[in-house]
Amino acid sequence: MAGDIDVDALAGLMAERPRSLALFDIREAGEAEQGHIPFATFLPRRLIELRIGELVPSTAQDIVVYDGGEADGRAALAAATLAEFGYRAVRILTGGLGAWRAAGRPVATGVNVPSKRFGEEIHEHDGVESIDSDRLAQMRAAGETFEQWDVRTPAEFGRATLPGSRNVPGVEIVGRATEAAREGSLVVVHCAGRTRGIIAARTLALLGVERVVALENGTMGWRLSGRTLVPGDRVEAPFDDDGAVAGALADASGVLRLSPAEVERRARRHASEPVILVDVRSEEAYLAGHIASSCSRPGGQLIQCTDEVLAVEAVPVILVDDGNGRAAMAAYWLRRMGFSEVALLDGGVPAWRAAGLPLAKRPATVPAWLARLRDTVPSVAPSRLGEASRIVLDVGTSRDFKKGHIPGALWLPRGWLEARLAEISQDGLDFGREIVVTAADESQAILAVATLRRLGHRASWLAGGNAGWVAQGGTLESTEHLPLDLPQDVVDPPYLKGEAGMRAYLDWEIALTGS
């Protein structure tokens, strides 16, 4: 049984540096975006089983969970799930976020706030230069010579970028800095908004590029200036840098270098001696071969969303690359952010291989515990879904349900299953009939079935989920109207929220250093 913690006690723990507590807002991300306790990690209860092992490797870790303080009991359900997975030091914030607010404690809004605030601090304190979209357009029209780099992920770049941009994601810029410094051309870097562009510009300056600016407000600023974006056409370029300058920056900032044998020892003992291993190479390189207990976050993206990966500030972090400066640069920035123990695998994956240590290939698509559960709970083939004795329940997110669901399906997201199940029974869920559960993510359906069966209902999951239904010739229907009135569960990127949404987001981000 989880214990309780009051607001004052929690505030005391959160004031420690480095923070040794894992604080999770277990509401949906859309709710947490509207207001959360500063430095909390968003961990919706529907994702606890799937993410907790990566976020908190030690089951002895001190954890506090909270919800909004309403009577829906979601924090207690989250604590119970953590207990089922062996976590034995879990407490619930009494009164949740409501009690925190009532006590006059600060409340943060937005997502990835620590990283966003850090970017604005670097912009101010390190003197990062920037130009606006009008100036960039003038430079292009005048035929000026300069490099223009989009530092977002390849997927983001491919969807839409500025005319003339070249994709150089995150700390990949380490491999382009030597050439850029040698050529002496101006380099203009941008992301979708501000943070990654600011960090990239400062990174290049630290690596010796004398003429570098960030595009103010990135692709959103370009659109708000009345200009259009184009699909990106990515061209791979060789990584050309030995990492010496980045390594010197990391060493000077207090980053540790660990041998493959030491990293292997710490990875093997990570459950008793907590450590987070992050592979900062590209996702393709990670899938081709990685240290088994590491997670994948390409370097520049890690600095953008540290709260999503590093839930406990005091837990040591080890970064892994190919020994070419990516990890060193990312480690430097983590130290600047205040993480107390940051290390890198000396020599990277090549040194790991040379030491005869094994690499895992593509990670299992289904965790072992979920595979066992899948084999335990009953399933229904898509071809049998139309039988009259069955009711279809979609437990996916609102975004997924709107995009496409099985015709006639009822909807109740898994995070709300216990709290709102009785409500949808009034809208057609007959507890005397078998419930077939589905979702765009079949893991959500499997977990929901286990819950429903514990509650005494006849339930099974649709084999393959919605994708299995489509593969058998079924169709999905979309909708703009949700059948249940629930708080917002997902967070849409600001560039999908129209002009007003983009302006509001950029204003919020710029104001972070004043909060």
Protein backbone atom coordinates (compact mmCIF):
# COMPACT_ATOMS: atom_id res chain seq x y z
CA MET A 1 0.00 0.00 0.00
CA ALA A 2 1.42 3.39 -1.02
CA GLY A 3 1.85 6.02 1.66
CA ASP A 4 0.97 9.69 1.44
CA ILE A 5 3.04 12.87 1.40
CA ASP A 6 1.80 16.39 2.01
CA VAL A 7 2.57 19.53 0.03
CA ASP A 8 5.15 20.94 2.45
CA ALA A 9 7.11 17.69 2.62
CA LEU A 10 7.12 17.39 -1.16
CA ALA A 11 8.24 20.99 -1.58
CA GLY A 12 11.18 20.28 0.73
CA LEU A 13 12.25 17.28 -1.32
CA MET A 14 11.95 19.21 -4.58
CA ALA A 15 14.18 21.97 -3.20
CA GLU A 16 17.12 19.56 -2.87
CA ARG A 17 19.89 19.79 -5.46
CA PRO A 18 20.42 17.48 -7.11
CA ARG A 19 16.88 16.20 -6.69
CA SER A 20 16.83 12.54 -5.65
CA LEU A 21 13.06 12.14 -6.02
CA ALA A 22 11.12 10.87 -9.02
CA LEU A 23 7.98 13.02 -9.27
CA PHE A 24 5.37 11.88 -11.78
CA ASP A 25 2.27 13.69 -12.98
CA ILE A 26 0.18 10.67 -13.92
CA ARG A 27 -2.58 12.60 -15.65
CA GLU A 28 -2.68 12.77 -19.42
CA ALA A 29 -0.10 15.05 -21.04
CA GLY A 30 -2.81 17.43 -22.24
CA GLU A 31 -3.92 17.96 -18.66
CA ALA A 32 -0.38 18.34 -17.32
CA GLU A 33 0.47 20.87 -20.03
CA GLN A 34 -2.18 23.19 -18.57
CA GLY A 35 -0.54 23.13 -15.15
CA HIS A 36 1.87 20.88 -13.25
CA ILE A 37 4.35 20.90 -10.38
CA PRO A 38 7.69 22.26 -11.62
CA PHE A 39 10.19 19.54 -12.60
CA ALA A 40 7.57 16.79 -12.63
CA THR A 41 7.88 14.21 -15.38
CA PHE A 42 4.70 13.55 -17.33
CA LEU A 43 3.90 9.84 -17.05
CA PRO A 44 0.25 9.20 -17.95
CA ARG A 45 -0.93 6.13 -16.10
CA ARG A 46 -1.72 4.40 -19.39
CA LEU A 47 2.04 4.45 -20.11
CA ILE A 48 3.39 3.50 -16.68
CA GLU A 49 3.87 -0.18 -17.45
CA LEU A 50 5.59 0.62 -20.75
CA ARG A 51 7.96 3.39 -19.57
CA ILE A 52 8.71 3.01 -15.88
CA GLY A 53 11.63 0.60 -16.32
CA GLU A 54 13.41 3.05 -18.61
CA LEU A 55 12.73 6.06 -16.39
CA VAL A 56 13.40 4.43 -13.02
CA PRO A 57 15.67 1.38 -13.19
CA SER A 58 15.75 0.85 -9.40
CA THR A 59 12.63 -0.43 -7.66
CA ALA A 60 13.95 1.14 -4.44
CA GLN A 61 13.73 4.65 -5.92
CA ASP A 62 11.73 7.17 -3.91
CA ILE A 63 8.70 8.04 -6.08
CA VAL A 64 5.82 10.49 -5.63
CA VAL A 65 2.80 10.42 -7.93
CA TYR A 66 -0.03 12.91 -8.14
CA ASP A 67 -3.19 13.66 -10.07
CA GLY A 68 -5.42 16.72 -10.08
CA GLY A 69 -6.80 16.01 -6.64
CA GLU A 70 -10.23 15.07 -7.91
CA ALA A 71 -12.10 12.03 -6.61
CA ASP A 72 -11.30 9.85 -9.65
CA GLY A 73 -8.53 7.99 -7.84
CA ARG A 74 -6.06 7.99 -10.71
CA ALA A 75 -3.01 8.57 -8.49
CA ALA A 76 -3.96 5.62 -6.29
CA LEU A 77 -4.38 3.43 -9.39
CA ALA A 78 -0.97 4.56 -10.65
CA ALA A 79 0.63 3.77 -7.30
CA ALA A 80 -0.94 0.31 -7.38
CA THR A 81 0.50 -0.31 -10.84
CA LEU A 82 3.96 0.72 -9.66
CA ALA A 83 3.62 -1.63 -6.70
CA GLU A 84 2.72 -4.47 -9.09
CA PHE A 85 5.99 -3.79 -10.91
CA GLY A 86 7.93 -4.04 -7.65
CA TYR A 87 8.41 -0.37 -6.77
CA ARG A 88 8.29 -0.26 -2.99
CA ALA A 89 8.86 3.41 -2.12
CA VAL A 90 5.85 5.07 -3.73
CA ARG A 91 3.87 7.88 -2.14
CA ILE A 92 0.81 9.82 -3.27
CA LEU A 93 0.60 13.60 -2.92
CA THR A 94 -2.34 14.27 -0.64
CA GLY A 95 -4.84 16.42 -2.48
CA GLY A 96 -2.83 16.30 -5.72
CA LEU A 97 -2.19 19.38 -7.80
CA GLY A 98 -5.24 21.06 -6.28
CA ALA A 99 -3.65 21.01 -2.84
CA TRP A 100 -0.34 22.24 -4.27
CA ARG A 101 -2.11 25.21 -5.87
CA ALA A 102 -4.15 25.95 -2.76
CA ALA A 103 -0.94 26.14 -0.71
CA GLY A 104 0.34 28.88 -3.01
CA ARG A 105 3.08 26.75 -4.51
CA PRO A 106 4.31 27.54 -8.04
CA VAL A 107 2.67 25.82 -11.00
CA ALA A 108 4.35 25.44 -14.40
CA THR A 109 2.55 25.31 -17.74
CA GLY A 110 3.67 23.85 -21.04
CA VAL A 111 5.80 20.82 -21.89
CA ASN A 112 9.56 20.20 -21.56
CA VAL A 113 9.75 23.32 -19.42
CA PRO A 114 13.25 22.74 -17.92
CA SER A 115 14.77 22.39 -21.39
CA LYS A 116 12.84 25.32 -22.83
CA ARG A 117 13.84 27.59 -19.95
CA PHE A 118 17.44 26.47 -20.28
CA GLY A 119 17.45 27.40 -23.96
CA GLU A 120 16.22 30.90 -23.18
CA GLU A 121 18.86 31.27 -20.46
CA ILE A 122 21.60 30.30 -22.91
CA HIS A 123 20.19 32.77 -25.43
CA GLU A 124 20.43 35.57 -22.88
CA HIS A 125 23.55 34.70 -20.90
CA ASP A 126 25.77 33.31 -23.67
CA GLY A 127 24.94 36.06 -26.13
CA VAL A 128 23.56 33.87 -28.92
CA GLU A 129 23.00 36.03 -31.98
CA SER A 130 19.84 35.69 -34.05
CA ILE A 131 18.20 37.07 -37.15
CA ASP A 132 14.51 37.24 -37.99
CA SER A 133 12.74 35.78 -41.02
CA ASP A 134 12.64 39.10 -42.87
CA ARG A 135 16.42 39.41 -42.66
CA LEU A 136 16.90 35.82 -43.83
CA ALA A 137 14.59 36.41 -46.79
CA GLN A 138 16.57 39.53 -47.71
CA MET A 139 19.81 37.56 -47.61
CA ARG A 140 18.36 34.92 -49.91
CA ALA A 141 16.96 37.50 -52.32
CA ALA A 142 20.34 39.29 -52.48
CA GLY A 143 22.14 36.04 -53.28
CA GLU A 144 24.33 36.17 -50.19
CA THR A 145 26.42 33.08 -49.47
CA PHE A 146 25.57 31.23 -46.27
CA GLU A 147 24.76 27.79 -44.90
CA GLN A 148 21.22 27.12 -43.66
CA TRP A 149 20.78 24.14 -41.33
CA ASP A 150 17.56 22.64 -39.94
CA VAL A 151 18.62 20.92 -36.70
CA ARG A 152 15.38 18.99 -36.10
CA THR A 153 14.90 15.26 -36.62
CA PRO A 154 14.85 13.86 -40.16
CA ALA A 155 11.12 13.15 -39.80
CA GLU A 156 10.34 16.75 -38.85
CA PHE A 157 12.58 18.05 -41.61
CA GLY A 158 10.92 15.81 -44.19
CA ARG A 159 7.43 17.05 -43.34
CA ALA A 160 8.21 20.75 -43.75
CA THR A 161 11.23 23.04 -43.61
CA LEU A 162 12.47 26.37 -44.93
CA PRO A 163 13.39 26.64 -48.60
CA GLY A 164 17.12 25.99 -48.89
CA SER A 165 17.56 24.26 -45.54
CA ARG A 166 19.83 21.26 -45.11
CA ASN A 167 19.09 18.74 -42.37
CA VAL A 168 21.83 18.51 -39.73
CA PRO A 169 20.03 17.03 -36.69
CA GLY A 170 21.01 17.97 -33.14
CA VAL A 171 24.57 17.18 -32.17
CA GLU A 172 25.26 15.94 -35.70
CA ILE A 173 26.46 19.50 -36.06
CA VAL A 174 29.59 18.38 -34.20
CA GLY A 175 30.53 16.52 -37.37
CA ARG A 176 30.02 19.60 -39.56
CA ALA A 177 31.64 22.23 -37.34
CA THR A 178 35.24 21.74 -38.50
CA GLU A 179 34.30 22.22 -42.15
CA ALA A 180 32.05 25.20 -41.34
CA ALA A 181 34.81 26.86 -39.30
CA ARG A 182 37.34 26.27 -42.07
CA GLU A 183 35.12 27.70 -44.80
CA GLY A 184 34.20 30.75 -42.72
CA SER A 185 30.71 31.11 -44.21
CA LEU A 186 27.83 32.33 -42.10
CA VAL A 187 25.75 29.45 -40.72
CA VAL A 188 22.06 30.03 -40.00
CA VAL A 189 20.51 27.31 -37.82
CA HIS A 190 16.86 26.79 -37.01
CA CYS A 191 14.36 24.39 -35.49
CA ALA A 192 10.57 24.68 -35.32
CA GLY A 193 10.72 27.34 -32.61
CA ARG A 194 13.61 28.41 -30.43
CA THR A 195 15.34 25.91 -28.09
CA ARG A 196 17.12 23.57 -30.47
CA GLY A 197 18.17 26.42 -32.75
CA ILE A 198 19.63 28.37 -29.82
CA ILE A 199 21.54 25.36 -28.49
CA ALA A 200 22.79 24.50 -31.98
CA ALA A 201 24.04 28.05 -32.60
CA ARG A 202 25.88 28.15 -29.29
CA THR A 203 27.30 24.66 -29.91
CA LEU A 204 28.78 25.74 -33.23
CA ALA A 205 30.27 28.83 -31.63
CA LEU A 206 31.86 26.70 -28.91
CA LEU A 207 33.30 24.44 -31.61
CA GLY A 208 35.02 27.33 -33.34
CA VAL A 209 32.50 28.54 -35.91
CA GLU A 210 32.86 32.31 -35.74
CA ARG A 211 29.88 33.31 -37.90
CA VAL A 212 26.70 31.61 -36.70
CA VAL A 213 23.20 32.86 -35.92
CA ALA A 214 19.92 31.26 -34.88
CA LEU A 215 16.80 31.99 -36.89
CA GLU A 216 14.46 33.68 -34.46
CA ASN A 217 11.40 31.49 -33.83
CA GLY A 218 12.41 28.93 -36.47
CA THR A 219 9.89 27.55 -38.94
CA MET A 220 7.03 29.06 -36.94
CA GLY A 221 8.59 32.52 -37.27
CA TRP A 222 8.96 31.94 -41.01
CA ARG A 223 5.27 31.04 -41.31
CA LEU A 224 4.19 33.95 -39.11
CA SER A 225 6.07 36.28 -41.44
CA GLY A 226 3.70 35.20 -44.22
CA ARG A 227 6.07 32.74 -45.92
CA THR A 228 5.62 29.09 -46.76
CA LEU A 229 7.51 25.91 -45.91
CA VAL A 230 8.51 23.11 -48.29
CA PRO A 231 9.03 19.36 -47.82
CA GLY A 232 12.60 18.57 -46.85
CA ASP A 233 14.86 16.48 -49.07
CA ARG A 234 17.45 14.93 -46.79
CA VAL A 235 20.93 14.24 -48.15
CA GLU A 236 23.23 12.18 -45.95
CA ALA A 237 26.68 13.63 -45.34
CA PRO A 238 29.68 11.94 -43.70
CA PHE A 239 30.38 12.72 -40.05
CA ASP A 240 33.75 14.45 -40.24
CA ASP A 241 35.15 15.20 -36.80
CA ASP A 242 37.32 13.40 -34.26
CA GLY A 243 35.43 14.96 -31.35
CA ALA A 244 38.54 16.54 -29.83
CA VAL A 245 37.05 20.00 -29.27
CA ALA A 246 33.76 18.63 -27.94
CA GLY A 247 35.73 16.25 -25.74
CA ALA A 248 37.75 19.11 -24.28
CA LEU A 249 34.55 21.02 -23.51
CA ALA A 250 33.11 17.96 -21.79
CA ASP A 251 36.27 17.33 -19.79
CA ALA A 252 36.42 20.94 -18.63
CA SER A 253 32.80 20.83 -17.48
CA GLY A 254 33.38 17.77 -15.28
CA VAL A 255 32.11 14.99 -17.54
CA LEU A 256 33.57 11.60 -16.60
CA ARG A 257 35.03 9.12 -19.09
CA LEU A 258 34.30 5.48 -18.35
CA SER A 259 35.92 2.41 -19.87
CA PRO A 260 33.76 -0.22 -21.60
CA ALA A 261 34.35 -2.57 -18.66
CA GLU A 262 33.11 0.03 -16.16
CA VAL A 263 30.06 0.89 -18.25
CA GLU A 264 29.27 -2.81 -18.60
CA ARG A 265 29.56 -3.28 -14.84
CA ARG A 266 27.30 -0.34 -14.11
CA ALA A 267 24.77 -1.34 -16.75
CA ARG A 268 24.63 -4.85 -15.32
CA ARG A 269 24.00 -3.50 -11.82
CA HIS A 270 21.68 -0.63 -12.82
CA ALA A 271 18.74 -2.03 -10.82
CA SER A 272 20.72 -1.86 -7.54
CA GLU A 273 23.04 1.02 -8.47
CA PRO A 274 20.79 3.25 -10.60
CA VAL A 275 22.20 4.67 -13.80
CA ILE A 276 20.57 5.83 -17.03
CA LEU A 277 22.29 4.94 -20.29
CA VAL A 278 21.36 7.10 -23.27
CA ASP A 279 22.51 6.36 -26.80
CA VAL A 280 22.79 9.73 -28.56
CA ARG A 281 23.48 8.38 -32.05
CA SER A 282 20.86 8.31 -34.77
CA GLU A 283 17.93 5.96 -34.32
CA GLU A 284 19.16 3.90 -37.28
CA ALA A 285 22.56 3.40 -35.66
CA TYR A 286 20.88 2.49 -32.37
CA LEU A 287 18.70 -0.15 -33.99
CA ALA A 288 21.71 -1.63 -35.78
CA GLY A 289 23.44 -2.32 -32.46
CA HIS A 290 23.27 -0.82 -28.97
CA ILE A 291 24.00 -1.56 -25.32
CA ALA A 292 21.04 -3.58 -24.10
CA SER A 293 19.96 -1.36 -21.20
CA SER A 294 20.32 1.94 -23.10
CA CYS A 295 17.52 4.05 -24.53
CA SER A 296 17.71 6.03 -27.75
CA ARG A 297 17.64 9.83 -27.76
CA PRO A 298 19.75 11.53 -30.44
CA GLY A 299 21.83 14.15 -28.66
CA GLY A 300 20.12 17.36 -29.70
CA GLN A 301 16.71 15.86 -29.00
CA LEU A 302 17.83 14.78 -25.51
CA ILE A 303 18.66 18.36 -24.53
CA GLN A 304 15.23 19.37 -25.85
CA CYS A 305 13.34 16.95 -23.58
CA THR A 306 15.47 15.99 -20.59
CA ASP A 307 12.41 15.70 -18.33
CA GLU A 308 11.07 12.89 -20.55
CA VAL A 309 14.20 10.77 -20.10
CA LEU A 310 16.04 11.83 -16.93
CA ALA A 311 13.34 11.70 -14.29
CA VAL A 312 15.72 11.75 -11.32
CA GLU A 313 18.31 14.50 -11.40
CA ALA A 314 20.63 12.75 -8.94
CA VAL A 315 20.83 9.47 -10.88
CA PRO A 316 24.06 9.23 -12.92
CA VAL A 317 23.78 9.46 -16.71
CA ILE A 318 26.08 7.69 -19.17
CA LEU A 319 25.99 8.79 -22.81
CA VAL A 320 26.99 6.55 -25.69
CA ASP A 321 28.04 7.47 -29.23
CA ASP A 322 30.57 6.25 -31.82
CA GLY A 323 33.45 7.98 -30.05
CA ASN A 324 33.23 11.04 -32.27
CA GLY A 325 32.05 13.91 -30.09
CA ARG A 326 28.27 13.52 -30.10
CA ALA A 327 28.15 12.18 -26.54
CA ALA A 328 30.75 14.66 -25.34
CA MET A 329 28.74 17.61 -26.65
CA ALA A 330 25.47 16.35 -25.21
CA ALA A 331 27.21 15.63 -21.90
CA TYR A 332 28.59 19.17 -21.82
CA TRP A 333 25.07 20.55 -22.15
CA LEU A 334 23.70 18.23 -19.46
CA ARG A 335 26.35 19.52 -17.10
CA ARG A 336 25.39 23.09 -17.99
CA MET A 337 21.79 22.17 -17.15
CA GLY A 338 22.87 21.09 -13.65
CA PHE A 339 23.00 17.30 -13.83
CA SER A 340 25.53 16.31 -11.22
CA GLU A 341 27.04 13.09 -12.55
CA VAL A 342 27.35 12.82 -16.31
CA ALA A 343 29.69 10.38 -18.02
CA LEU A 344 30.39 9.07 -21.48
CA LEU A 345 31.56 5.71 -22.78
CA ASP A 346 35.19 6.42 -23.66
CA GLY A 347 35.68 5.46 -27.30
CA GLY A 348 31.98 4.84 -27.81
CA VAL A 349 30.47 1.77 -29.43
CA PRO A 350 33.70 0.93 -31.34
CA ALA A 351 35.53 0.60 -28.01
CA TRP A 352 32.66 -1.51 -26.64
CA ARG A 353 32.96 -3.86 -29.61
CA ALA A 354 36.74 -3.99 -29.34
CA ALA A 355 36.35 -5.08 -25.71
CA GLY A 356 34.33 -8.07 -26.90
CA LEU A 357 31.13 -6.88 -25.27
CA PRO A 358 27.77 -7.73 -26.87
CA LEU A 359 25.41 -5.35 -28.61
CA ALA A 360 21.68 -5.82 -28.85
CA LYS A 361 20.06 -5.46 -32.23
CA ARG A 362 16.61 -4.04 -32.91
CA PRO A 363 14.80 -3.93 -29.53
CA ALA A 364 11.93 -6.31 -28.92
CA THR A 365 8.68 -4.78 -30.14
CA VAL A 366 6.87 -6.28 -27.16
CA PRO A 367 8.44 -6.39 -23.66
CA ALA A 368 8.67 -9.89 -22.20
CA TRP A 369 6.10 -9.18 -19.48
CA LEU A 370 3.64 -7.84 -22.06
CA ALA A 371 4.20 -10.88 -24.29
CA ARG A 372 3.32 -13.12 -21.36
CA LEU A 373 0.19 -11.10 -20.64
CA ARG A 374 -0.79 -11.18 -24.30
CA ASP A 375 -0.62 -14.95 -24.21
CA THR A 376 -2.70 -15.07 -21.03
CA VAL A 377 -5.71 -12.93 -21.89
CA PRO A 378 -8.09 -14.09 -24.66
CA SER A 379 -8.11 -12.52 -28.11
CA VAL A 380 -10.60 -12.34 -30.97
CA ALA A 381 -9.67 -12.58 -34.64
CA PRO A 382 -10.79 -9.58 -36.73
CA SER A 383 -12.87 -11.90 -38.91
CA ARG A 384 -15.08 -12.71 -35.91
CA LEU A 385 -15.58 -9.15 -34.74
CA GLY A 386 -18.99 -8.74 -36.34
CA GLU A 387 -20.72 -11.34 -34.22
CA ALA A 388 -23.76 -9.80 -32.57
CA SER A 389 -22.82 -10.88 -29.05
CA ARG A 390 -19.82 -8.58 -28.98
CA ILE A 391 -19.30 -4.89 -28.25
CA VAL A 392 -16.19 -3.05 -29.47
CA LEU A 393 -14.43 -0.67 -27.08
CA ASP A 394 -11.57 1.54 -28.31
CA VAL A 395 -9.21 2.51 -25.46
CA GLY A 396 -6.80 4.61 -27.52
CA THR A 397 -6.11 8.33 -27.32
CA SER A 398 -8.51 10.97 -28.56
CA ARG A 399 -6.15 11.73 -31.45
CA ASP A 400 -6.11 8.10 -32.55
CA PHE A 401 -9.88 7.70 -32.15
CA LYS A 402 -10.54 10.83 -34.19
CA LYS A 403 -8.13 9.74 -36.89
CA GLY A 404 -9.67 6.34 -37.31
CA HIS A 405 -11.70 3.81 -35.33
CA ILE A 406 -13.75 0.72 -36.07
CA PRO A 407 -17.30 1.74 -37.06
CA GLY A 408 -19.65 1.52 -34.09
CA ALA A 409 -16.88 1.33 -31.50
CA LEU A 410 -17.39 2.94 -28.13
CA TRP A 411 -14.50 5.02 -26.77
CA LEU A 412 -12.92 5.18 -23.33
CA PRO A 413 -9.14 5.83 -23.02
CA ARG A 414 -7.37 3.30 -20.85
CA GLY A 415 -6.23 5.96 -18.40
CA TRP A 416 -9.88 6.60 -17.52
CA LEU A 417 -11.10 3.00 -17.67
CA GLU A 418 -11.92 2.38 -14.01
CA ALA A 419 -13.19 5.90 -13.32
CA ARG A 420 -15.57 6.23 -16.27
CA LEU A 421 -16.58 2.69 -17.19
CA ALA A 422 -19.99 2.98 -15.56
CA GLU A 423 -20.64 6.13 -17.57
CA ILE A 424 -20.26 4.48 -20.96
CA SER A 425 -22.47 1.59 -19.90
CA GLN A 426 -25.32 4.09 -20.15
CA ASP A 427 -24.32 4.67 -23.78
CA GLY A 428 -24.42 1.10 -24.96
CA LEU A 429 -21.88 -0.98 -23.05
CA ASP A 430 -23.89 -3.95 -21.80
CA PHE A 431 -21.82 -5.63 -19.13
CA GLY A 432 -23.60 -8.89 -19.90
CA ARG A 433 -22.03 -9.06 -23.38
CA GLU A 434 -18.44 -9.75 -24.29
CA ILE A 435 -16.31 -6.64 -24.73
CA VAL A 436 -13.72 -6.70 -27.51
CA VAL A 437 -11.08 -4.11 -26.78
CA THR A 438 -9.01 -2.46 -29.48
CA ALA A 439 -6.77 0.56 -30.05
CA ALA A 440 -4.27 1.91 -32.53
CA ASP A 441 -1.64 0.66 -30.04
CA GLU A 442 -2.55 -2.94 -29.30
CA SER A 443 -0.58 -2.90 -26.02
CA GLN A 444 -3.22 -0.53 -24.64
CA ALA A 445 -5.93 -3.00 -25.62
CA ILE A 446 -4.15 -5.92 -23.96
CA LEU A 447 -3.62 -4.00 -20.72
CA ALA A 448 -7.23 -2.79 -20.74
CA VAL A 449 -8.50 -6.34 -21.11
CA ALA A 450 -6.49 -7.43 -18.08
CA THR A 451 -8.13 -4.60 -16.09
CA LEU A 452 -11.63 -5.39 -17.30
CA ARG A 453 -11.26 -9.05 -16.44
CA ARG A 454 -10.02 -8.15 -12.95
CA LEU A 455 -13.19 -6.08 -12.59
CA GLY A 456 -15.28 -9.14 -13.49
CA HIS A 457 -16.17 -8.39 -17.13
CA ARG A 458 -15.99 -10.73 -20.09
CA ALA A 459 -13.35 -9.11 -22.26
CA SER A 460 -10.87 -9.99 -24.99
CA TRP A 461 -8.60 -7.97 -27.24
CA LEU A 462 -8.76 -7.64 -30.99
CA ALA A 463 -5.76 -9.46 -32.43
CA GLY A 464 -3.59 -6.89 -34.16
CA GLY A 465 -5.67 -3.98 -32.91
CA ASN A 466 -7.06 -1.53 -35.43
CA ALA A 467 -4.24 -2.39 -37.85
CA GLY A 468 -5.28 -6.05 -37.71
CA TRP A 469 -8.83 -5.06 -38.56
CA VAL A 470 -7.67 -3.06 -41.58
CA ALA A 471 -5.36 -5.88 -42.71
CA GLN A 472 -8.40 -8.18 -42.85
CA GLY A 473 -10.25 -5.75 -45.14
CA GLY A 474 -12.03 -3.72 -42.47
CA THR A 475 -12.40 0.04 -42.68
CA LEU A 476 -11.90 2.78 -40.12
CA GLU A 477 -14.00 5.89 -39.77
CA SER A 478 -12.83 9.29 -38.58
CA THR A 479 -14.64 11.86 -36.50
CA GLU A 480 -14.22 15.36 -35.12
CA HIS A 481 -16.56 14.70 -32.21
CA LEU A 482 -15.67 12.59 -29.20
CA PRO A 483 -18.43 10.60 -27.48
CA LEU A 484 -17.14 11.44 -23.99
CA ASP A 485 -16.33 14.77 -22.38
CA LEU A 486 -12.86 14.17 -20.97
CA PRO A 487 -9.91 16.49 -20.29
CA GLN A 488 -7.47 16.96 -23.16
CA ASP A 489 -5.19 13.92 -23.30
CA VAL A 490 -2.64 14.70 -26.01
CA VAL A 491 -0.53 17.77 -26.72
CA ASP A 492 -0.52 19.02 -30.30
CA PRO A 493 2.64 20.75 -31.54
CA PRO A 494 2.22 24.54 -31.54
CA TYR A 495 2.75 24.71 -35.31
CA LEU A 496 -0.51 22.77 -35.72
CA LYS A 497 -2.50 25.28 -33.65
CA GLY A 498 -2.77 28.06 -36.22
CA GLU A 499 -1.35 31.56 -36.09
CA ALA A 500 -2.76 32.41 -32.66
CA GLY A 501 -1.47 29.16 -31.20
CA MET A 502 2.02 29.68 -32.59
CA ARG A 503 2.21 33.24 -31.29
CA ALA A 504 0.97 32.20 -27.85
CA TYR A 505 3.54 29.40 -27.68
CA LEU A 506 6.46 31.62 -28.69
CA ASP A 507 5.41 34.32 -26.21
CA TRP A 508 5.25 31.66 -23.47
CA GLU A 509 8.71 30.34 -24.34
CA ILE A 510 10.37 33.76 -24.42
CA ALA A 511 8.82 34.65 -21.05
CA LEU A 512 10.20 31.54 -19.28
CA THR A 513 13.32 33.26 -17.97
CA GLY A 514 11.14 35.72 -16.13
CA SER A 515 9.23 32.98 -14.30
